[in-house]
Amino acid sequence: MENGQLTLSFETENVEIKVEREIDIIRDRDCTINTPVNHGNKPLPIYGNRISIIPTLPGRTDTPHMRKHYLEKTDPLETYDLFFVLFSGGKDSVAAALNLLELGVPPKKIILLHHDIDGNSKRKMDWPVTKNYCRAFAEAFGLEIRFSFREGGFWGEVYRYGSKQPVQFQDADGSMRRIEPSAWTRSLELKRLMDQAEAEDNLELYKLYEEELRSYGYRFKFPAKGANLQTRYCSGILKIEVGCVAITHQVDTKRDCKIMVVSGERRGESTNRSKYNMMELHRTHAPIRNKRVVHHFRSIIDFSEKDVWEVLRRNRVVPHPCYTVGWGRASCACCIFSSPSHFAGIKDILPDYYQNLRLAEQELQFTLDNNKSIDEFVGDAESCVVHSEKKAIHQLLTGEIKAQDIILPLDAEWNYPAGAFRHGIGGPC
């Protein structure tokens, strides 16, 4: 049996029959509109049939982390209480959500989890439309969506002085909950004491308090352009940690549950992601202390970009407006990995965002790029914006988008957006 994307384990009374396929990784930089669809065909609806999924490529166990989190296969999908899709609104997370539906997972079991990168800050980094696109997608497909964020967002972490800021997340009843880091209260106290010492002109005491405050954290620089999440802290601090806080504290996932976390990384995006395991034990897995079983499933890891677009085409999904306008990835609007043409596009349609970057470079005395200021990096690059896409530009800038904008009518033709097959430029890999 072959379903175009999955390796399955069929459990019978006496024998387990494995059906395996070879994997041919197609890098995004090599993928075109003419690339054949390989893994993106509609899968079998296996939910409810006692079928496990095993990775197409054997999971790695060559590091302590890999050995600790190794998972040979998923359990049958019907055995999980909930499925949390880490949902950015980009094409890959959209495809991951649609994949669950096509596998037969009931919509009532699927929850989209969106991390707001801006964290309710007045200073913005993400597209004005992203949260509303995620809401509209959830409504269009009858799915629940929950939002979470770290207070202060991206810019709060860039200018971090002391503890990380608290995390807020939407709980099962819709209310927002707030979790403070262990050093948060002490950091606030130290800042107050520093102000007092400065007012009293007590330099010795001021330095003592400052030394302790810095021990809890100090940034004042942009994230690095690299795979290390310690230095490319935007992904780790604003997404991964936020998601873990939400899962470990939500009333329906804190304990006594079995859940699957689904994310949309793909091998074709980068060398680093090509080495990821398709499935593993999630970092919130706590089967003994909290009786919380959490499996992490990268459901589309073997997909090429063409495969991803095929899933959206088949379901007639209109992608995030940034793709229509010319972006190849739906990362933050001002993602540090953006190309010169993308930053030229930001300067074109979101000049306040661009000016924020310029001013921050001057304040921090630290450039977004490793070696150049933002102006030098952009140079005379041409804006990527397709100005003829007026509706999408309006959506991007105003956030005005509704559920009826997500699924294309049957009498309309689905077309690849202008940002498709831009060789993976413009987002973290």
Protein backbone atom coordinates (compact mmCIF):
# COMPACT_ATOMS: atom_id res chain seq x y z
CA MET A 1 0.00 0.00 0.00
CA GLU A 2 1.31 3.46 -0.85
CA ASN A 3 -0.32 6.76 0.06
CA GLY A 4 2.06 9.28 -1.43
CA GLN A 5 3.53 10.55 1.81
CA LEU A 6 3.38 8.26 4.81
CA THR A 7 5.18 5.19 6.02
CA LEU A 8 2.61 3.16 7.90
CA SER A 9 2.60 0.36 10.45
CA PHE A 10 -0.47 -1.87 10.24
CA GLU A 11 -1.13 -3.62 13.54
CA THR A 12 -2.93 -6.95 13.26
CA GLU A 13 -3.52 -9.54 15.94
CA ASN A 14 -0.37 -11.52 15.20
CA VAL A 15 1.97 -9.47 13.05
CA GLU A 16 3.09 -5.95 12.29
CA ILE A 17 3.51 -5.25 8.60
CA LYS A 18 5.70 -2.28 7.70
CA VAL A 19 5.37 -0.44 4.41
CA GLU A 20 8.39 1.76 3.72
CA ARG A 21 9.43 4.15 0.96
CA GLU A 22 12.66 5.81 0.01
CA ILE A 23 12.96 9.57 0.33
CA ASP A 24 14.41 11.93 -2.23
CA ILE A 25 15.02 15.34 -0.66
CA ILE A 26 14.26 18.21 -3.02
CA ARG A 27 15.82 21.40 -1.73
CA ASP A 28 13.72 24.54 -1.93
CA ARG A 29 16.41 26.20 -4.00
CA ASP A 30 16.00 23.46 -6.63
CA CYS A 31 12.20 23.23 -6.52
CA THR A 32 10.18 24.77 -9.34
CA ILE A 33 6.62 24.83 -10.59
CA ASN A 34 7.57 21.87 -12.82
CA THR A 35 8.83 19.68 -9.97
CA PRO A 36 6.66 16.54 -9.71
CA VAL A 37 4.38 16.12 -6.72
CA ASN A 38 5.93 13.33 -4.67
CA HIS A 39 4.67 13.39 -1.07
CA GLY A 40 1.87 15.93 -1.38
CA ASN A 41 -0.85 13.69 -2.79
CA LYS A 42 -3.95 13.18 -0.69
CA PRO A 43 -3.20 10.63 2.06
CA LEU A 44 -5.33 7.74 3.20
CA PRO A 45 -7.75 8.65 6.03
CA ILE A 46 -6.09 6.35 8.56
CA TYR A 47 -7.65 7.80 11.72
CA GLY A 48 -9.61 5.12 13.55
CA ASN A 49 -7.93 2.17 11.84
CA ARG A 50 -5.26 1.34 14.47
CA ILE A 51 -2.51 2.45 12.11
CA SER A 52 0.76 3.94 13.37
CA ILE A 53 3.08 6.13 11.32
CA ILE A 54 6.79 5.32 11.17
CA PRO A 55 9.40 7.70 9.74
CA THR A 56 10.38 7.34 6.10
CA LEU A 57 13.97 7.92 7.22
CA PRO A 58 15.04 6.11 10.42
CA GLY A 59 15.25 8.48 13.37
CA ARG A 60 18.69 9.65 14.46
CA THR A 61 20.14 8.55 17.79
CA ASP A 62 23.68 9.90 17.36
CA THR A 63 23.49 12.60 20.06
CA PRO A 64 22.37 12.52 23.71
CA HIS A 65 19.40 14.75 22.81
CA MET A 66 18.34 12.47 19.95
CA ARG A 67 18.61 9.37 22.13
CA LYS A 68 16.62 10.98 24.93
CA HIS A 69 13.79 12.08 22.62
CA TYR A 70 13.83 9.16 20.19
CA LEU A 71 10.42 7.89 19.10
CA GLU A 72 10.27 4.87 16.81
CA LYS A 73 6.76 5.57 15.54
CA THR A 74 3.60 7.42 16.43
CA ASP A 75 0.75 5.66 18.14
CA PRO A 76 -2.48 5.27 16.15
CA LEU A 77 -3.90 8.76 15.69
CA GLU A 78 -7.19 7.95 17.40
CA THR A 79 -5.33 7.32 20.69
CA TYR A 80 -4.36 11.00 21.10
CA ASP A 81 -6.67 13.32 23.04
CA LEU A 82 -5.66 16.51 21.23
CA PHE A 83 -3.49 17.65 18.31
CA PHE A 84 -1.74 21.00 18.68
CA VAL A 85 -0.57 22.46 15.38
CA LEU A 86 2.16 25.09 15.80
CA PHE A 87 0.51 27.53 13.44
CA SER A 88 2.33 30.56 12.04
CA GLY A 89 -0.10 31.09 9.17
CA GLY A 90 2.64 30.26 6.66
CA LYS A 91 2.15 27.68 3.93
CA ASP A 92 3.93 24.89 5.82
CA SER A 93 1.84 25.17 8.98
CA VAL A 94 -1.28 25.45 6.83
CA ALA A 95 -0.29 22.24 5.01
CA ALA A 96 0.37 20.51 8.35
CA ALA A 97 -3.12 21.42 9.60
CA LEU A 98 -4.76 20.31 6.35
CA ASN A 99 -2.77 17.08 6.46
CA LEU A 100 -4.33 16.17 9.81
CA LEU A 101 -7.80 16.79 8.43
CA GLU A 102 -7.05 14.66 5.36
CA LEU A 103 -5.78 11.86 7.60
CA GLY A 104 -9.24 11.86 9.16
CA VAL A 105 -8.51 13.55 12.48
CA PRO A 106 -11.79 15.10 13.74
CA PRO A 107 -11.68 18.93 13.68
CA LYS A 108 -12.79 19.03 17.33
CA LYS A 109 -9.49 17.38 18.30
CA ILE A 110 -7.29 19.87 16.41
CA ILE A 111 -6.14 23.10 18.06
CA LEU A 112 -4.06 25.70 16.25
CA LEU A 113 -1.48 27.34 18.52
CA HIS A 114 -0.22 30.71 17.28
CA HIS A 115 2.62 32.57 18.98
CA ASP A 116 2.26 36.34 18.58
CA ILE A 117 5.80 37.54 17.92
CA ASP A 118 4.96 41.16 18.76
CA GLY A 119 3.62 40.30 22.21
CA ASN A 120 1.12 43.18 22.24
CA SER A 121 4.02 45.63 21.91
CA LYS A 122 3.46 48.96 20.16
CA ARG A 123 6.68 48.40 18.23
CA LYS A 124 5.96 45.79 15.55
CA MET A 125 7.94 43.12 13.72
CA ASP A 126 5.22 40.88 12.26
CA TRP A 127 2.65 41.45 9.54
CA PRO A 128 -0.48 43.35 10.67
CA VAL A 129 -2.62 40.62 9.05
CA THR A 130 -1.02 37.48 10.47
CA LYS A 131 -3.16 36.98 13.59
CA ASN A 132 -6.35 37.66 11.65
CA TYR A 133 -5.30 35.30 8.86
CA CYS A 134 -4.83 32.57 11.48
CA ARG A 135 -8.24 33.34 13.00
CA ALA A 136 -9.88 33.31 9.58
CA PHE A 137 -8.27 29.99 8.63
CA ALA A 138 -9.43 28.41 11.90
CA GLU A 139 -12.98 29.63 11.35
CA ALA A 140 -13.02 28.49 7.72
CA PHE A 141 -12.12 24.91 8.70
CA GLY A 142 -14.01 24.74 11.99
CA LEU A 143 -10.89 24.54 14.18
CA GLU A 144 -10.12 25.99 17.58
CA ILE A 145 -7.25 28.47 17.78
CA ARG A 146 -5.36 29.69 20.84
CA PHE A 147 -2.92 32.58 21.02
CA SER A 148 0.15 32.98 23.18
CA PHE A 149 3.01 35.44 23.46
CA ARG A 150 5.93 36.67 25.52
CA GLU A 151 5.25 40.12 26.88
CA GLY A 152 7.25 42.77 25.06
CA GLY A 153 7.57 40.53 22.02
CA PHE A 154 10.55 40.68 19.70
CA TRP A 155 11.63 44.18 20.61
CA GLY A 156 11.29 43.50 24.33
CA GLU A 157 13.78 40.66 23.95
CA VAL A 158 16.15 42.72 21.78
CA TYR A 159 16.33 45.33 24.56
CA ARG A 160 16.25 42.77 27.37
CA TYR A 161 17.90 43.81 30.63
CA GLY A 162 17.41 41.19 33.33
CA SER A 163 14.93 38.34 33.34
CA LYS A 164 12.93 37.16 30.36
CA GLN A 165 9.46 38.69 30.39
CA PRO A 166 6.32 36.71 31.38
CA VAL A 167 4.39 34.51 28.96
CA GLN A 168 0.68 34.90 28.37
CA PHE A 169 -1.41 32.19 26.76
CA GLN A 170 -5.04 31.50 26.00
CA ASP A 171 -6.40 28.64 28.07
CA ALA A 172 -9.07 26.10 27.14
CA ASP A 173 -11.87 28.35 28.43
CA GLY A 174 -10.64 31.29 26.31
CA SER A 175 -9.21 33.26 29.22
CA MET A 176 -5.64 34.57 29.16
CA ARG A 177 -3.22 33.27 31.78
CA ARG A 178 0.15 34.74 32.75
CA ILE A 179 3.25 32.82 33.85
CA GLU A 180 6.20 34.77 35.28
CA PRO A 181 9.80 33.50 34.98
CA SER A 182 11.45 32.70 38.30
CA ALA A 183 13.74 35.77 38.16
CA TRP A 184 11.07 38.24 36.99
CA THR A 185 10.09 39.69 40.39
CA ARG A 186 13.72 39.99 41.48
CA SER A 187 14.64 41.75 38.21
CA LEU A 188 11.92 44.36 38.78
CA GLU A 189 13.15 44.85 42.34
CA LEU A 190 16.76 45.27 41.19
CA LYS A 191 15.77 47.92 38.64
CA ARG A 192 13.97 49.84 41.40
CA LEU A 193 17.00 49.53 43.68
CA MET A 194 19.30 50.73 40.89
CA ASP A 195 17.14 53.82 40.40
CA GLN A 196 17.29 54.47 44.14
CA ALA A 197 21.07 54.00 44.29
CA GLU A 198 21.51 56.33 41.32
CA ALA A 199 19.36 58.98 42.99
CA GLU A 200 21.50 58.66 46.12
CA ASP A 201 24.68 58.80 44.01
CA ASN A 202 25.78 55.45 45.47
CA LEU A 203 27.83 54.10 42.57
CA GLU A 204 29.14 51.06 44.46
CA LEU A 205 25.66 49.83 45.34
CA TYR A 206 24.42 50.62 41.82
CA LYS A 207 27.13 48.41 40.28
CA LEU A 208 26.34 45.60 42.72
CA TYR A 209 22.67 45.59 41.73
CA GLU A 210 23.53 45.92 38.04
CA GLU A 211 25.86 42.91 38.16
CA GLU A 212 23.11 40.74 39.60
CA LEU A 213 20.55 42.06 37.11
CA ARG A 214 22.83 41.27 34.17
CA SER A 215 23.27 37.73 35.48
CA TYR A 216 19.60 37.14 34.68
CA GLY A 217 20.04 38.22 31.08
CA TYR A 218 21.26 41.03 28.86
CA ARG A 219 20.74 41.35 25.09
CA PHE A 220 20.86 44.76 23.42
CA LYS A 221 21.53 43.13 20.08
CA PHE A 222 19.62 41.46 17.25
CA PRO A 223 19.32 37.68 16.90
CA ALA A 224 22.12 36.03 14.95
CA LYS A 225 21.61 34.65 11.46
CA GLY A 226 22.33 31.02 12.26
CA ALA A 227 20.88 27.69 13.34
CA ASN A 228 21.94 27.96 17.01
CA LEU A 229 18.81 28.86 18.99
CA GLN A 230 20.93 30.33 21.79
CA THR A 231 22.05 33.14 19.51
CA ARG A 232 19.08 33.11 17.11
CA TYR A 233 17.01 33.66 20.20
CA CYS A 234 13.88 34.94 18.46
CA SER A 235 12.79 31.38 17.59
CA GLY A 236 13.70 29.89 20.96
CA ILE A 237 12.45 32.62 23.29
CA LEU A 238 9.41 33.86 21.35
CA LYS A 239 8.14 30.61 19.84
CA ILE A 240 9.51 27.35 21.25
CA GLU A 241 9.58 28.36 24.93
CA VAL A 242 6.22 30.10 24.67
CA GLY A 243 4.62 26.98 23.22
CA CYS A 244 6.09 24.82 25.97
CA VAL A 245 4.81 27.15 28.69
CA ALA A 246 1.33 27.01 27.19
CA ILE A 247 1.25 23.21 26.93
CA THR A 248 2.58 22.64 30.45
CA HIS A 249 0.09 25.05 32.06
CA GLN A 250 -3.15 24.74 30.06
CA VAL A 251 -5.91 23.07 32.07
CA ASP A 252 -6.49 20.42 29.39
CA THR A 253 -2.80 19.59 28.82
CA LYS A 254 -1.21 20.14 32.23
CA ARG A 255 -1.61 16.52 33.27
CA ASP A 256 -3.43 13.25 32.56
CA CYS A 257 -3.47 13.61 28.79
CA LYS A 258 -1.97 12.29 25.60
CA ILE A 259 -1.32 14.87 22.90
CA MET A 260 0.47 15.25 19.60
CA VAL A 261 2.31 18.46 18.72
CA VAL A 262 2.48 18.95 14.95
CA SER A 263 4.88 21.34 13.23
CA GLY A 264 5.74 22.13 9.63
CA GLU A 265 9.52 21.94 9.30
CA ARG A 266 10.73 20.41 6.03
CA ARG A 267 14.04 18.79 5.05
CA GLY A 268 14.18 20.80 1.85
CA GLU A 269 14.37 24.11 3.69
CA SER A 270 17.97 23.77 4.85
CA THR A 271 20.80 21.41 5.70
CA ASN A 272 20.01 21.85 9.37
CA ARG A 273 16.35 20.88 9.01
CA SER A 274 17.20 17.97 6.72
CA LYS A 275 18.63 16.25 9.81
CA TYR A 276 15.50 16.56 11.95
CA ASN A 277 13.66 13.44 13.02
CA MET A 278 10.12 13.11 11.72
CA MET A 279 8.87 12.22 15.18
CA GLU A 280 10.23 12.38 18.70
CA LEU A 281 9.22 12.86 22.30
CA HIS A 282 8.33 16.52 22.79
CA ARG A 283 10.20 18.56 25.37
CA THR A 284 6.97 18.82 27.43
CA HIS A 285 6.68 15.01 27.61
CA ALA A 286 6.21 14.14 31.30
CA PRO A 287 4.63 10.68 31.56
CA ILE A 288 5.65 9.97 35.15
CA ARG A 289 5.39 13.28 37.02
CA ASN A 290 2.28 14.63 35.27
CA LYS A 291 1.02 11.62 33.30
CA ARG A 292 1.33 13.82 30.22
CA VAL A 293 2.39 12.02 27.05
CA VAL A 294 3.47 14.41 24.28
CA HIS A 295 4.67 13.23 20.88
CA HIS A 296 6.10 15.69 18.35
CA PHE A 297 5.22 14.89 14.73
CA ARG A 298 6.80 16.83 11.84
CA SER A 299 4.13 15.60 9.48
CA ILE A 300 5.34 17.25 6.27
CA ILE A 301 9.09 16.99 6.85
CA ASP A 302 9.60 15.02 3.61
CA PHE A 303 7.53 17.42 1.47
CA SER A 304 9.07 19.61 -1.20
CA GLU A 305 7.75 23.13 -1.65
CA LYS A 306 5.78 21.82 -4.64
CA ASP A 307 4.19 19.19 -2.38
CA VAL A 308 3.14 21.90 0.08
CA TRP A 309 1.54 24.05 -2.59
CA GLU A 310 -0.26 20.95 -3.89
CA VAL A 311 -1.93 20.49 -0.49
CA LEU A 312 -3.13 24.10 -0.53
CA ARG A 313 -4.25 23.82 -4.16
CA ARG A 314 -6.21 20.64 -3.53
CA ASN A 315 -8.01 22.26 -0.60
CA ARG A 316 -8.43 25.55 -2.51
CA VAL A 317 -6.75 27.52 0.27
CA VAL A 318 -5.71 31.10 -0.36
CA PRO A 319 -2.29 31.51 1.32
CA HIS A 320 -1.17 34.31 3.62
CA PRO A 321 -1.29 37.59 1.63
CA CYS A 322 2.48 38.07 1.88
CA TYR A 323 2.95 35.22 -0.63
CA THR A 324 0.56 36.89 -3.06
CA VAL A 325 2.43 40.18 -2.75
CA GLY A 326 5.82 38.59 -3.45
CA TRP A 327 7.34 37.08 -0.30
CA GLY A 328 8.60 33.50 -0.45
CA ARG A 329 8.07 32.79 3.25
CA ALA A 330 5.54 33.96 5.82
CA SER A 331 8.02 34.60 8.60
CA CYS A 332 7.99 37.87 10.50
CA ALA A 333 7.59 40.79 8.13
CA CYS A 334 11.09 41.94 9.10
CA CYS A 335 12.63 38.50 9.54
CA ILE A 336 16.39 38.72 10.03
CA PHE A 337 16.85 36.22 7.18
CA SER A 338 15.06 38.43 4.66
CA SER A 339 16.80 39.18 1.38
CA PRO A 340 17.63 42.73 0.22
CA SER A 341 14.58 42.69 -2.07
CA HIS A 342 12.33 41.72 0.85
CA PHE A 343 13.66 44.53 3.03
CA ALA A 344 13.24 46.85 0.06
CA GLY A 345 9.64 45.64 -0.01
CA ILE A 346 9.22 46.49 3.68
CA LYS A 347 10.65 49.94 3.04
CA ASP A 348 8.15 50.21 0.19
CA ILE A 349 4.90 49.28 1.96
CA LEU A 350 5.73 49.36 5.70
CA PRO A 351 8.18 52.27 6.01
CA ASP A 352 7.60 52.59 9.77
CA TYR A 353 8.83 49.02 10.25
CA TYR A 354 11.94 49.74 8.21
CA GLN A 355 12.60 52.93 10.16
CA ASN A 356 12.32 50.97 13.42
CA LEU A 357 15.18 48.75 12.25
CA ARG A 358 17.34 51.72 11.25
CA LEU A 359 16.79 53.47 14.59
CA ALA A 360 17.44 50.27 16.55
CA GLU A 361 20.76 49.75 14.77
CA GLN A 362 21.78 53.26 15.79
CA GLU A 363 20.62 52.84 19.41
CA LEU A 364 22.19 49.43 19.86
CA GLN A 365 25.31 50.14 17.83
CA PHE A 366 24.66 46.68 16.45
CA THR A 367 23.57 45.84 12.91
CA LEU A 368 20.86 43.40 11.86
CA ASP A 369 23.21 41.88 9.29
CA ASN A 370 26.56 40.52 10.41
CA ASN A 371 28.61 43.10 8.55
CA LYS A 372 26.33 45.80 7.14
CA SER A 373 23.74 48.31 8.25
CA ILE A 374 20.22 47.72 6.98
CA ASP A 375 20.66 50.49 4.40
CA GLU A 376 23.93 48.99 3.14
CA PHE A 377 22.39 45.51 3.05
CA VAL A 378 19.42 46.66 0.96
CA GLY A 379 21.52 48.88 -1.29
CA ASP A 380 19.74 49.48 -4.58
CA ALA A 381 17.76 46.21 -4.45
CA GLU A 382 14.41 46.29 -6.18
CA SER A 383 11.31 45.87 -4.03
CA CYS A 384 9.75 42.40 -4.21
CA VAL A 385 6.24 43.87 -3.95
CA VAL A 386 3.80 43.06 -6.76
CA HIS A 387 1.83 46.31 -6.68
CA SER A 388 -0.92 44.97 -8.93
CA GLU A 389 -2.08 42.71 -6.06
CA LYS A 390 -4.02 45.53 -4.43
CA LYS A 391 -6.40 43.36 -2.38
CA ALA A 392 -3.55 41.36 -0.82
CA ILE A 393 -1.57 44.52 -0.07
CA HIS A 394 -4.64 46.01 1.61
CA GLN A 395 -5.01 42.85 3.71
CA LEU A 396 -1.32 42.88 4.66
CA LEU A 397 -1.38 46.47 5.84
CA THR A 398 -4.81 46.65 7.49
CA GLY A 399 -5.29 43.13 8.83
CA GLU A 400 -8.72 43.01 7.20
CA ILE A 401 -9.34 39.38 6.28
CA LYS A 402 -12.26 37.04 6.96
CA ALA A 403 -13.05 33.34 6.82
CA GLN A 404 -14.67 33.70 3.40
CA ASP A 405 -11.32 34.96 2.06
CA ILE A 406 -9.54 31.70 2.95
CA ILE A 407 -11.19 29.12 0.69
CA LEU A 408 -11.37 29.93 -3.01
CA PRO A 409 -14.84 29.56 -4.59
CA LEU A 410 -15.28 26.52 -6.83
CA ASP A 411 -15.74 28.69 -9.92
CA ALA A 412 -12.42 30.51 -9.35
CA GLU A 413 -9.04 29.29 -10.57
CA TRP A 414 -6.37 28.58 -7.96
CA ASN A 415 -2.99 30.01 -9.01
CA TYR A 416 0.45 29.92 -7.46
CA PRO A 417 1.19 33.19 -5.64
CA ALA A 418 3.99 35.47 -6.81
CA GLY A 419 6.16 34.37 -3.88
CA ALA A 420 6.04 30.67 -4.74
CA PHE A 421 9.34 28.99 -5.65
CA ARG A 422 11.49 31.92 -4.53
CA HIS A 423 14.15 29.41 -3.43
CA GLY A 424 13.30 29.51 0.26
CA ILE A 425 14.57 33.05 0.79
CA GLY A 426 13.13 35.08 3.62
CA GLY A 427 12.75 32.98 6.75
CA PRO A 428 14.60 31.06 9.46
CA CYS A 429 16.12 27.72 8.54
